[in-house]
N, C-alpha and C. Protein backbone atom coordinates (compact mmCIF):
# COMPACT_ATOMS: atom_id res chain seq x y z
N MET A 1 -17.90 47.97 -40.02
CA MET A 1 -19.13 48.03 -39.24
C MET A 1 -19.17 46.83 -38.29
N PRO A 2 -19.47 47.03 -37.01
CA PRO A 2 -19.48 45.93 -36.04
C PRO A 2 -20.63 44.96 -36.30
N ASP A 3 -20.38 43.71 -35.90
CA ASP A 3 -21.39 42.67 -36.03
C ASP A 3 -22.40 42.85 -34.90
N THR A 4 -23.67 43.06 -35.24
CA THR A 4 -24.70 43.30 -34.23
C THR A 4 -25.63 42.10 -34.07
N ARG A 5 -25.28 40.99 -34.67
CA ARG A 5 -26.13 39.81 -34.54
C ARG A 5 -26.09 39.29 -33.10
N THR A 6 -27.23 38.84 -32.64
CA THR A 6 -27.35 38.31 -31.29
C THR A 6 -26.77 36.90 -31.24
N PRO A 7 -25.88 36.64 -30.29
CA PRO A 7 -25.33 35.29 -30.17
C PRO A 7 -26.43 34.26 -29.86
N VAL A 8 -26.28 33.09 -30.44
CA VAL A 8 -27.20 31.98 -30.20
C VAL A 8 -26.38 30.84 -29.63
N ALA A 9 -26.83 30.27 -28.53
CA ALA A 9 -26.09 29.19 -27.87
C ALA A 9 -25.95 27.99 -28.81
N PRO A 10 -24.78 27.36 -28.80
CA PRO A 10 -24.59 26.15 -29.61
C PRO A 10 -25.54 25.04 -29.16
N VAL A 11 -25.87 24.17 -30.09
CA VAL A 11 -26.59 22.95 -29.77
C VAL A 11 -25.54 21.93 -29.37
N ARG A 12 -25.71 21.30 -28.23
CA ARG A 12 -24.76 20.30 -27.74
C ARG A 12 -25.49 19.00 -27.49
N LYS A 13 -24.92 17.92 -27.98
CA LYS A 13 -25.48 16.58 -27.81
C LYS A 13 -24.35 15.64 -27.44
N SER A 14 -24.69 14.62 -26.64
CA SER A 14 -23.70 13.63 -26.25
C SER A 14 -24.35 12.26 -26.20
N VAL A 15 -23.67 11.27 -26.77
CA VAL A 15 -24.11 9.88 -26.71
C VAL A 15 -22.89 9.02 -26.40
N THR A 16 -23.14 7.84 -25.88
CA THR A 16 -22.06 6.89 -25.64
C THR A 16 -22.32 5.65 -26.48
N VAL A 17 -21.30 5.19 -27.17
CA VAL A 17 -21.40 4.00 -28.00
C VAL A 17 -20.45 2.94 -27.46
N ALA A 18 -20.78 1.67 -27.72
CA ALA A 18 -20.03 0.55 -27.16
C ALA A 18 -18.89 0.09 -28.07
N VAL A 19 -18.32 1.01 -28.82
CA VAL A 19 -17.15 0.72 -29.65
C VAL A 19 -16.08 1.74 -29.31
N GLY A 20 -14.83 1.42 -29.62
CA GLY A 20 -13.73 2.31 -29.34
C GLY A 20 -13.75 3.57 -30.20
N PRO A 21 -12.93 4.56 -29.85
CA PRO A 21 -12.92 5.83 -30.58
C PRO A 21 -12.65 5.71 -32.08
N LEU A 22 -11.71 4.87 -32.48
CA LEU A 22 -11.43 4.76 -33.92
C LEU A 22 -12.63 4.20 -34.66
N GLN A 23 -13.24 3.16 -34.13
CA GLN A 23 -14.41 2.59 -34.80
C GLN A 23 -15.57 3.58 -34.80
N ALA A 24 -15.76 4.31 -33.70
CA ALA A 24 -16.83 5.31 -33.63
C ALA A 24 -16.58 6.43 -34.65
N PHE A 25 -15.34 6.89 -34.74
CA PHE A 25 -14.98 7.94 -35.70
C PHE A 25 -15.27 7.46 -37.12
N GLU A 26 -14.80 6.26 -37.45
CA GLU A 26 -14.99 5.74 -38.81
C GLU A 26 -16.47 5.53 -39.12
N LEU A 27 -17.23 5.06 -38.15
CA LEU A 27 -18.67 4.88 -38.36
C LEU A 27 -19.33 6.23 -38.62
N PHE A 28 -18.94 7.24 -37.84
CA PHE A 28 -19.56 8.55 -38.01
C PHE A 28 -19.24 9.15 -39.37
N ALA A 29 -18.01 9.06 -39.80
CA ALA A 29 -17.59 9.71 -41.05
C ALA A 29 -17.67 8.76 -42.25
N ARG A 30 -16.75 7.85 -42.34
CA ARG A 30 -16.64 7.01 -43.53
C ARG A 30 -17.90 6.18 -43.79
N ASP A 31 -18.54 5.68 -42.71
CA ASP A 31 -19.69 4.79 -42.86
C ASP A 31 -21.03 5.49 -42.62
N ILE A 32 -21.08 6.79 -42.76
CA ILE A 32 -22.31 7.54 -42.49
C ILE A 32 -23.50 7.03 -43.30
N GLY A 33 -23.24 6.52 -44.49
CA GLY A 33 -24.32 6.02 -45.34
C GLY A 33 -25.03 4.80 -44.79
N THR A 34 -24.42 4.11 -43.81
CA THR A 34 -25.05 2.92 -43.24
C THR A 34 -26.07 3.26 -42.16
N TRP A 35 -26.03 4.48 -41.63
CA TRP A 35 -26.90 4.78 -40.49
C TRP A 35 -27.67 6.09 -40.58
N TRP A 36 -27.26 7.02 -41.40
CA TRP A 36 -27.93 8.33 -41.43
C TRP A 36 -29.38 8.15 -41.90
N PRO A 37 -30.36 8.71 -41.19
CA PRO A 37 -31.78 8.55 -41.54
C PRO A 37 -32.21 9.48 -42.70
N LEU A 38 -31.83 9.10 -43.91
CA LEU A 38 -32.08 9.93 -45.09
C LEU A 38 -33.57 10.22 -45.32
N ALA A 39 -34.43 9.28 -45.01
CA ALA A 39 -35.86 9.45 -45.27
C ALA A 39 -36.44 10.64 -44.51
N THR A 40 -35.83 11.00 -43.39
CA THR A 40 -36.35 12.10 -42.57
C THR A 40 -35.38 13.26 -42.40
N HIS A 41 -34.09 13.03 -42.65
CA HIS A 41 -33.07 14.05 -42.39
C HIS A 41 -32.15 14.19 -43.59
N SER A 42 -32.69 14.78 -44.65
CA SER A 42 -31.91 15.00 -45.87
C SER A 42 -32.57 16.10 -46.68
N VAL A 43 -31.89 16.54 -47.71
CA VAL A 43 -32.45 17.54 -48.61
C VAL A 43 -33.50 16.89 -49.51
N GLY A 44 -33.18 15.70 -50.03
CA GLY A 44 -34.06 15.04 -50.99
C GLY A 44 -35.17 14.19 -50.39
N LEU A 45 -35.09 13.90 -49.08
CA LEU A 45 -36.06 13.05 -48.39
C LEU A 45 -36.30 11.76 -49.16
N GLU A 46 -37.52 11.52 -49.68
CA GLU A 46 -37.79 10.25 -50.36
C GLU A 46 -37.00 10.08 -51.65
N ARG A 47 -36.45 11.15 -52.19
CA ARG A 47 -35.63 11.06 -53.41
C ARG A 47 -34.16 10.82 -53.11
N SER A 48 -33.80 10.80 -51.83
CA SER A 48 -32.41 10.63 -51.44
C SER A 48 -31.99 9.18 -51.58
N ALA A 49 -30.84 8.96 -52.21
CA ALA A 49 -30.34 7.59 -52.44
C ALA A 49 -29.20 7.23 -51.50
N SER A 50 -28.33 8.21 -51.17
CA SER A 50 -27.18 7.89 -50.32
C SER A 50 -26.57 9.17 -49.76
N VAL A 51 -25.70 8.97 -48.78
CA VAL A 51 -24.91 10.06 -48.23
C VAL A 51 -23.51 9.52 -47.99
N SER A 52 -22.51 10.34 -48.27
CA SER A 52 -21.12 9.92 -48.07
C SER A 52 -20.33 11.06 -47.45
N PHE A 53 -19.22 10.67 -46.80
CA PHE A 53 -18.46 11.63 -46.01
C PHE A 53 -17.03 11.12 -45.96
N GLY A 54 -16.09 11.99 -46.10
CA GLY A 54 -14.69 11.62 -45.92
C GLY A 54 -14.20 12.15 -44.60
N ALA A 55 -13.02 11.76 -44.21
CA ALA A 55 -12.48 12.21 -42.93
C ALA A 55 -11.26 13.11 -43.08
N ALA A 56 -10.89 13.43 -44.31
CA ALA A 56 -9.72 14.29 -44.54
C ALA A 56 -10.17 15.73 -44.75
N VAL A 57 -9.32 16.65 -44.33
CA VAL A 57 -9.62 18.07 -44.53
C VAL A 57 -9.88 18.32 -46.02
N GLY A 58 -10.99 19.00 -46.30
CA GLY A 58 -11.38 19.29 -47.67
C GLY A 58 -12.40 18.31 -48.23
N ASP A 59 -12.52 17.12 -47.62
CA ASP A 59 -13.54 16.18 -48.07
C ASP A 59 -14.92 16.78 -47.83
N GLN A 60 -15.86 16.39 -48.67
CA GLN A 60 -17.21 16.93 -48.55
C GLN A 60 -18.18 15.87 -48.04
N LEU A 61 -19.20 16.35 -47.39
CA LEU A 61 -20.34 15.54 -46.96
C LEU A 61 -21.38 15.71 -48.06
N VAL A 62 -21.70 14.61 -48.77
CA VAL A 62 -22.49 14.71 -50.00
C VAL A 62 -23.69 13.77 -49.95
N GLU A 63 -24.85 14.32 -50.23
CA GLU A 63 -26.06 13.53 -50.42
C GLU A 63 -26.25 13.35 -51.92
N THR A 64 -26.55 12.12 -52.34
CA THR A 64 -26.84 11.84 -53.74
C THR A 64 -28.30 11.46 -53.86
N LEU A 65 -29.00 12.15 -54.76
CA LEU A 65 -30.42 11.86 -54.97
C LEU A 65 -30.57 10.74 -55.99
N SER A 66 -31.76 10.16 -56.06
CA SER A 66 -32.00 9.02 -56.95
C SER A 66 -31.75 9.35 -58.42
N ASP A 67 -31.84 10.63 -58.80
CA ASP A 67 -31.57 11.01 -60.20
C ASP A 67 -30.10 11.35 -60.44
N GLY A 68 -29.25 11.15 -59.43
CA GLY A 68 -27.82 11.42 -59.56
C GLY A 68 -27.41 12.81 -59.12
N THR A 69 -28.36 13.69 -58.85
CA THR A 69 -28.06 15.03 -58.37
C THR A 69 -27.34 14.94 -57.03
N LYS A 70 -26.35 15.80 -56.86
CA LYS A 70 -25.59 15.81 -55.61
C LYS A 70 -25.88 17.10 -54.84
N GLU A 71 -26.07 16.96 -53.55
CA GLU A 71 -26.27 18.08 -52.64
C GLU A 71 -25.10 18.08 -51.65
N ILE A 72 -24.36 19.16 -51.62
CA ILE A 72 -23.24 19.28 -50.68
C ILE A 72 -23.79 19.78 -49.35
N TRP A 73 -23.57 19.01 -48.30
CA TRP A 73 -24.03 19.40 -46.96
C TRP A 73 -22.95 20.14 -46.19
N GLY A 74 -21.68 19.90 -46.52
CA GLY A 74 -20.61 20.55 -45.76
C GLY A 74 -19.25 20.04 -46.20
N THR A 75 -18.21 20.60 -45.57
CA THR A 75 -16.82 20.28 -45.90
C THR A 75 -16.03 20.10 -44.61
N VAL A 76 -15.17 19.07 -44.59
CA VAL A 76 -14.33 18.82 -43.42
C VAL A 76 -13.33 19.97 -43.29
N LEU A 77 -13.30 20.57 -42.12
CA LEU A 77 -12.41 21.70 -41.83
C LEU A 77 -11.21 21.26 -41.01
N GLN A 78 -11.41 20.31 -40.10
CA GLN A 78 -10.34 19.78 -39.25
C GLN A 78 -10.63 18.31 -38.99
N SER A 79 -9.55 17.52 -38.98
CA SER A 79 -9.70 16.10 -38.73
C SER A 79 -8.52 15.60 -37.92
N GLU A 80 -8.81 15.06 -36.75
CA GLU A 80 -7.78 14.48 -35.88
C GLU A 80 -8.25 13.06 -35.54
N ILE A 81 -8.04 12.14 -36.48
CA ILE A 81 -8.50 10.77 -36.31
C ILE A 81 -7.75 10.15 -35.13
N PRO A 82 -8.39 9.53 -34.17
CA PRO A 82 -9.81 9.29 -34.00
C PRO A 82 -10.47 10.18 -32.96
N ARG A 83 -9.91 11.37 -32.71
CA ARG A 83 -10.37 12.20 -31.60
C ARG A 83 -11.40 13.26 -31.97
N ARG A 84 -11.29 13.85 -33.15
CA ARG A 84 -12.09 15.05 -33.42
C ARG A 84 -12.31 15.22 -34.91
N LEU A 85 -13.50 15.70 -35.25
CA LEU A 85 -13.86 16.00 -36.62
C LEU A 85 -14.67 17.29 -36.61
N ALA A 86 -14.26 18.27 -37.40
CA ALA A 86 -14.98 19.54 -37.50
C ALA A 86 -15.31 19.79 -38.96
N PHE A 87 -16.54 20.25 -39.21
CA PHE A 87 -16.94 20.48 -40.59
C PHE A 87 -17.98 21.57 -40.68
N SER A 88 -18.03 22.20 -41.86
CA SER A 88 -19.08 23.18 -42.12
C SER A 88 -20.37 22.41 -42.37
N TRP A 89 -21.50 23.09 -42.23
CA TRP A 89 -22.80 22.43 -42.35
C TRP A 89 -23.79 23.38 -43.03
N HIS A 90 -24.26 22.98 -44.21
CA HIS A 90 -25.20 23.85 -44.94
C HIS A 90 -26.12 23.07 -45.88
N PRO A 91 -26.73 21.94 -45.43
CA PRO A 91 -27.60 21.20 -46.33
C PRO A 91 -28.76 22.07 -46.82
N GLY A 92 -28.93 22.12 -48.14
CA GLY A 92 -29.99 22.92 -48.73
C GLY A 92 -29.71 24.41 -48.78
N LYS A 93 -28.51 24.82 -48.37
CA LYS A 93 -28.14 26.24 -48.36
C LYS A 93 -26.80 26.39 -49.07
N SER A 94 -26.41 27.63 -49.32
CA SER A 94 -25.11 27.87 -49.93
C SER A 94 -24.02 27.75 -48.86
N ALA A 95 -22.80 27.47 -49.31
CA ALA A 95 -21.67 27.35 -48.39
C ALA A 95 -21.44 28.65 -47.63
N ASP A 96 -21.87 29.77 -48.18
CA ASP A 96 -21.73 31.06 -47.51
C ASP A 96 -22.58 31.15 -46.24
N GLU A 97 -23.57 30.25 -46.12
CA GLU A 97 -24.47 30.27 -44.98
C GLU A 97 -24.19 29.13 -44.00
N ALA A 98 -23.00 28.56 -44.10
CA ALA A 98 -22.68 27.37 -43.30
C ALA A 98 -22.59 27.67 -41.81
N THR A 99 -23.09 26.72 -41.03
CA THR A 99 -22.85 26.70 -39.60
C THR A 99 -21.65 25.77 -39.38
N HIS A 100 -21.34 25.47 -38.14
CA HIS A 100 -20.13 24.70 -37.83
C HIS A 100 -20.49 23.55 -36.89
N ILE A 101 -19.98 22.37 -37.19
CA ILE A 101 -20.18 21.21 -36.32
C ILE A 101 -18.81 20.67 -35.92
N GLU A 102 -18.70 20.36 -34.64
CA GLU A 102 -17.50 19.69 -34.13
C GLU A 102 -17.96 18.45 -33.39
N VAL A 103 -17.34 17.31 -33.70
CA VAL A 103 -17.67 16.05 -33.04
C VAL A 103 -16.38 15.52 -32.43
N THR A 104 -16.45 15.19 -31.13
CA THR A 104 -15.29 14.62 -30.46
C THR A 104 -15.61 13.19 -30.03
N PHE A 105 -14.56 12.37 -29.98
CA PHE A 105 -14.67 10.95 -29.66
C PHE A 105 -13.69 10.67 -28.52
N THR A 106 -14.23 10.44 -27.32
CA THR A 106 -13.41 10.28 -26.12
C THR A 106 -13.64 8.89 -25.52
N PRO A 107 -12.55 8.13 -25.30
CA PRO A 107 -12.74 6.80 -24.71
C PRO A 107 -13.37 6.90 -23.32
N ASP A 108 -14.24 5.94 -23.01
CA ASP A 108 -14.78 5.89 -21.65
C ASP A 108 -14.18 4.69 -20.91
N SER A 109 -14.43 4.60 -19.63
CA SER A 109 -13.80 3.57 -18.80
C SER A 109 -14.30 2.16 -19.11
N ALA A 110 -15.41 2.03 -19.82
CA ALA A 110 -15.98 0.71 -20.13
C ALA A 110 -15.52 0.19 -21.49
N GLY A 111 -14.64 0.92 -22.16
CA GLY A 111 -14.16 0.49 -23.48
C GLY A 111 -14.95 1.06 -24.64
N GLY A 112 -15.93 1.87 -24.34
CA GLY A 112 -16.72 2.52 -25.38
C GLY A 112 -16.21 3.92 -25.65
N THR A 113 -17.06 4.72 -26.25
CA THR A 113 -16.67 6.08 -26.63
C THR A 113 -17.80 7.05 -26.34
N VAL A 114 -17.46 8.17 -25.72
CA VAL A 114 -18.40 9.27 -25.56
C VAL A 114 -18.25 10.14 -26.81
N VAL A 115 -19.34 10.31 -27.53
CA VAL A 115 -19.36 11.11 -28.76
C VAL A 115 -20.12 12.38 -28.44
N GLU A 116 -19.42 13.51 -28.55
CA GLU A 116 -20.05 14.80 -28.26
C GLU A 116 -20.10 15.63 -29.53
N LEU A 117 -21.27 16.16 -29.81
CA LEU A 117 -21.49 16.98 -30.99
C LEU A 117 -21.84 18.40 -30.54
N MET A 118 -21.16 19.38 -31.11
CA MET A 118 -21.48 20.78 -30.85
C MET A 118 -21.75 21.45 -32.20
N HIS A 119 -22.94 22.00 -32.35
CA HIS A 119 -23.36 22.66 -33.59
C HIS A 119 -23.52 24.15 -33.29
N SER A 120 -22.71 24.98 -33.90
CA SER A 120 -22.68 26.42 -33.60
C SER A 120 -22.73 27.25 -34.88
N GLY A 121 -22.74 28.56 -34.69
CA GLY A 121 -22.72 29.49 -35.82
C GLY A 121 -24.11 29.92 -36.29
N TRP A 122 -25.09 29.76 -35.44
CA TRP A 122 -26.47 30.08 -35.80
C TRP A 122 -26.67 31.55 -36.13
N GLU A 123 -25.77 32.39 -35.66
CA GLU A 123 -25.90 33.84 -35.89
C GLU A 123 -25.87 34.17 -37.38
N ARG A 124 -25.33 33.27 -38.18
CA ARG A 124 -25.23 33.50 -39.63
C ARG A 124 -26.61 33.57 -40.29
N TRP A 125 -27.61 33.02 -39.62
CA TRP A 125 -28.96 32.97 -40.18
C TRP A 125 -29.87 33.95 -39.45
N GLY A 126 -30.71 34.63 -40.19
CA GLY A 126 -31.64 35.58 -39.59
C GLY A 126 -32.57 34.92 -38.58
N ASP A 127 -32.89 33.65 -38.80
CA ASP A 127 -33.75 32.91 -37.88
C ASP A 127 -32.94 31.90 -37.08
N GLY A 128 -31.75 32.30 -36.67
CA GLY A 128 -30.81 31.41 -36.01
C GLY A 128 -31.36 30.73 -34.77
N GLU A 129 -32.06 31.47 -33.94
CA GLU A 129 -32.61 30.88 -32.71
C GLU A 129 -33.63 29.79 -33.04
N THR A 130 -34.47 30.04 -34.04
CA THR A 130 -35.46 29.05 -34.46
C THR A 130 -34.77 27.82 -35.05
N GLN A 131 -33.77 28.04 -35.89
CA GLN A 131 -33.04 26.92 -36.49
C GLN A 131 -32.32 26.10 -35.42
N ALA A 132 -31.71 26.78 -34.45
CA ALA A 132 -31.03 26.07 -33.36
C ALA A 132 -32.03 25.21 -32.60
N ALA A 133 -33.22 25.73 -32.33
CA ALA A 133 -34.25 24.96 -31.63
C ALA A 133 -34.66 23.74 -32.46
N ASN A 134 -34.79 23.91 -33.77
CA ASN A 134 -35.15 22.78 -34.65
C ASN A 134 -34.06 21.71 -34.62
N TYR A 135 -32.81 22.13 -34.70
CA TYR A 135 -31.70 21.18 -34.68
C TYR A 135 -31.53 20.54 -33.30
N ARG A 136 -31.86 21.28 -32.24
CA ARG A 136 -31.77 20.72 -30.89
C ARG A 136 -32.61 19.44 -30.82
N GLU A 137 -33.77 19.44 -31.46
CA GLU A 137 -34.61 18.25 -31.53
C GLU A 137 -34.18 17.33 -32.67
N GLY A 138 -33.78 17.90 -33.79
CA GLY A 138 -33.45 17.13 -34.98
C GLY A 138 -32.24 16.23 -34.85
N TRP A 139 -31.27 16.63 -34.03
CA TRP A 139 -30.09 15.80 -33.85
C TRP A 139 -30.40 14.52 -33.09
N ASP A 140 -31.46 14.51 -32.27
CA ASP A 140 -31.76 13.33 -31.45
C ASP A 140 -32.00 12.07 -32.29
N PRO A 141 -32.90 12.07 -33.28
CA PRO A 141 -33.08 10.83 -34.06
C PRO A 141 -31.85 10.46 -34.88
N VAL A 142 -31.09 11.44 -35.31
CA VAL A 142 -29.86 11.16 -36.06
C VAL A 142 -28.87 10.43 -35.17
N LEU A 143 -28.66 10.94 -33.97
CA LEU A 143 -27.70 10.31 -33.06
C LEU A 143 -28.22 8.97 -32.54
N ARG A 144 -29.53 8.82 -32.40
CA ARG A 144 -30.08 7.51 -32.04
C ARG A 144 -29.74 6.47 -33.11
N ALA A 145 -29.86 6.86 -34.37
CA ALA A 145 -29.52 5.95 -35.47
C ALA A 145 -28.04 5.58 -35.43
N PHE A 146 -27.19 6.54 -35.11
CA PHE A 146 -25.75 6.30 -34.97
C PHE A 146 -25.48 5.30 -33.84
N VAL A 147 -26.12 5.51 -32.69
CA VAL A 147 -25.95 4.63 -31.54
C VAL A 147 -26.41 3.21 -31.90
N GLU A 148 -27.53 3.09 -32.57
CA GLU A 148 -28.05 1.77 -32.96
C GLU A 148 -27.09 1.06 -33.90
N GLU A 149 -26.53 1.77 -34.86
CA GLU A 149 -25.58 1.16 -35.78
C GLU A 149 -24.31 0.73 -35.05
N ALA A 150 -23.85 1.56 -34.12
CA ALA A 150 -22.66 1.20 -33.34
C ALA A 150 -22.96 -0.03 -32.48
N ARG A 151 -24.18 -0.11 -31.94
CA ARG A 151 -24.56 -1.26 -31.12
C ARG A 151 -24.51 -2.54 -31.96
N SER A 152 -25.00 -2.47 -33.19
CA SER A 152 -25.00 -3.67 -34.04
C SER A 152 -23.59 -4.07 -34.43
N GLU A 153 -22.68 -3.11 -34.54
CA GLU A 153 -21.29 -3.42 -34.88
C GLU A 153 -20.52 -3.97 -33.68
N ALA A 154 -20.95 -3.62 -32.47
CA ALA A 154 -20.25 -4.04 -31.27
C ALA A 154 -20.54 -5.50 -30.91
N VAL A 155 -21.60 -6.06 -31.48
CA VAL A 155 -22.01 -7.43 -31.14
C VAL A 155 -21.12 -8.45 -31.82
């Protein structure tokens, strides 16, 4: 049976950080727990204690709640350190409902890095257009936190 779901445009975001691609990549993945705004962007919210992420294919993006409960947000699907990271995304949902995120890290002429995030696969959800609109706004404070952390590391 053909897929009749209506395509939903990917959410695309871009920021520039004042660190090189390798440092930006490592900050985004390995050091995510230093900057991710758990109080507002997590499954557990005020019960969230930490978030961790690996950069190897198969590594999981994991939120740990204060009681030790773990919430899997996604799994690394492709990793090309320091250029590209792709992972499934399903915080609070089953892996069967995962969307897809790809983040690229491109050097800029000033010695920093352009970080581009593309979040796609909204068709998997019945309310995909609404979810995409929510994430279109929701990624902004997350990426602002990333930029701020990169700024503090660049000093």
